[in-house]
Amino acid sequence: MKQEDMVLSHLMVYGSINPRESLDRLGVYRLSARISDLRQRGYKIDTEIRKRDGVRWAVYHLKKPLPGEQTEERQESGNVGNNSTSEIITNH
């Protein structure tokens, strides 16, 4: 299975993914590149930037398609801590 398909499967099951989950669970090191690949395929994925103790990381969220909206797949087959901050960056 291609890495981007593994990331997509994870997003479909869990709704989001971060770099640590990507590496630990899927063995995917370049998560942002795979997210870019998925966006090029038409998937709408938001980026949330989280920050804790001066460390920043991205959490990617798969947006659910609106009624009547199709993704590539449909077309083919018919703990944030208390001292954390986050911002959502919409990329699609």
Protein backbone atom coordinates (compact mmCIF):
# COMPACT_ATOMS: atom_id res chain seq x y z
CA MET A 1 0.00 0.00 0.00
CA LYS A 2 1.32 3.46 -0.89
CA GLN A 3 2.18 5.78 1.99
CA GLU A 4 -0.42 8.35 0.99
CA ASP A 5 -3.09 5.63 1.01
CA MET A 6 -2.01 4.56 4.51
CA VAL A 7 -2.29 8.19 5.67
CA LEU A 8 -5.70 8.52 4.00
CA SER A 9 -6.93 5.33 5.70
CA HIS A 10 -5.77 6.65 9.07
CA LEU A 11 -7.52 9.98 8.46
CA MET A 12 -10.74 8.23 7.44
CA VAL A 13 -10.75 6.09 10.60
CA TYR A 14 -9.48 8.60 13.18
CA GLY A 15 -10.22 11.97 11.54
CA SER A 16 -6.76 13.43 12.18
CA ILE A 17 -3.07 12.62 12.19
CA ASN A 18 0.12 14.24 13.47
CA PRO A 19 3.77 13.56 12.60
CA ARG A 20 4.41 11.33 15.62
CA GLU A 21 1.40 9.12 14.86
CA SER A 22 2.43 9.01 11.23
CA LEU A 23 5.92 7.78 12.04
CA ASP A 24 5.05 5.49 14.97
CA ARG A 25 1.92 3.86 13.52
CA LEU A 26 2.51 4.01 9.77
CA GLY A 27 6.27 4.39 9.33
CA VAL A 28 5.66 7.54 7.27
CA TYR A 29 8.39 10.11 7.92
CA ARG A 30 7.39 12.88 5.46
CA LEU A 31 3.77 13.37 6.51
CA SER A 32 3.47 16.90 5.06
CA ALA A 33 4.48 15.58 1.63
CA ARG A 34 1.86 12.81 1.80
CA ILE A 35 -0.78 15.37 2.89
CA SER A 36 0.19 17.49 -0.12
CA ASP A 37 -0.24 14.44 -2.38
CA LEU A 38 -3.71 13.84 -0.94
CA ARG A 39 -4.68 17.47 -1.44
CA GLN A 40 -3.57 17.24 -5.07
CA ARG A 41 -5.91 14.25 -5.40
CA GLY A 42 -8.77 16.49 -4.21
CA TYR A 43 -9.08 15.66 -0.52
CA LYS A 44 -9.86 18.61 1.73
CA ILE A 45 -7.49 18.54 4.70
CA ASP A 46 -7.13 21.32 7.27
CA THR A 47 -3.89 22.01 9.12
CA GLU A 48 -3.99 22.82 12.83
CA ILE A 49 -0.76 24.18 14.31
CA ARG A 50 -0.32 23.23 17.95
CA LYS A 51 2.27 24.63 20.32
CA ARG A 52 3.38 23.49 23.75
CA ASP A 53 6.43 24.65 25.68
CA GLY A 54 7.81 26.40 22.58
CA VAL A 55 7.47 23.33 20.34
CA ARG A 56 5.20 23.55 17.29
CA TRP A 57 3.71 20.72 15.25
CA ALA A 58 0.92 20.20 12.74
CA VAL A 59 -2.20 18.13 13.16
CA TYR A 60 -4.03 17.38 9.92
CA HIS A 61 -7.83 16.95 9.86
CA LEU A 62 -9.76 15.33 7.02
CA LYS A 63 -12.82 17.41 6.23
CA LYS A 64 -16.01 15.51 5.55
CA PRO A 65 -17.35 16.12 2.04
CA LEU A 66 -20.50 18.21 1.83
CA PRO A 67 -23.63 16.56 0.41
CA GLY A 68 -23.16 16.24 -3.34
CA GLU A 69 -19.40 16.83 -3.09
CA GLN A 70 -17.24 13.96 -4.34
CA THR A 71 -13.73 12.88 -3.44
CA GLU A 72 -11.46 10.93 -5.76
CA GLU A 73 -12.33 7.65 -3.98
CA ARG A 74 -16.06 8.20 -4.43
CA GLN A 75 -15.59 9.07 -8.07
CA GLU A 76 -13.58 5.90 -8.64
CA SER A 77 -15.96 3.63 -6.77
CA GLY A 78 -19.23 5.51 -7.62
CA ASN A 79 -4.03 15.29 23.73
CA VAL A 80 -3.36 18.65 23.87
CA GLY A 81 -2.00 19.67 27.32
CA ASN A 82 -3.40 22.52 29.38
CA ASN A 83 -0.61 24.89 28.40
CA SER A 84 -1.09 24.33 24.67
CA THR A 85 -2.36 26.65 21.99
CA SER A 86 -3.59 25.86 18.53
CA GLU A 87 -4.71 27.59 15.38
CA ILE A 88 -6.48 26.15 12.38
CA ILE A 89 -5.14 26.88 8.91
CA THR A 90 -7.54 25.94 6.19
CA ASN A 91 -5.74 24.41 3.20
CA HIS A 92 -7.75 22.76 0.46
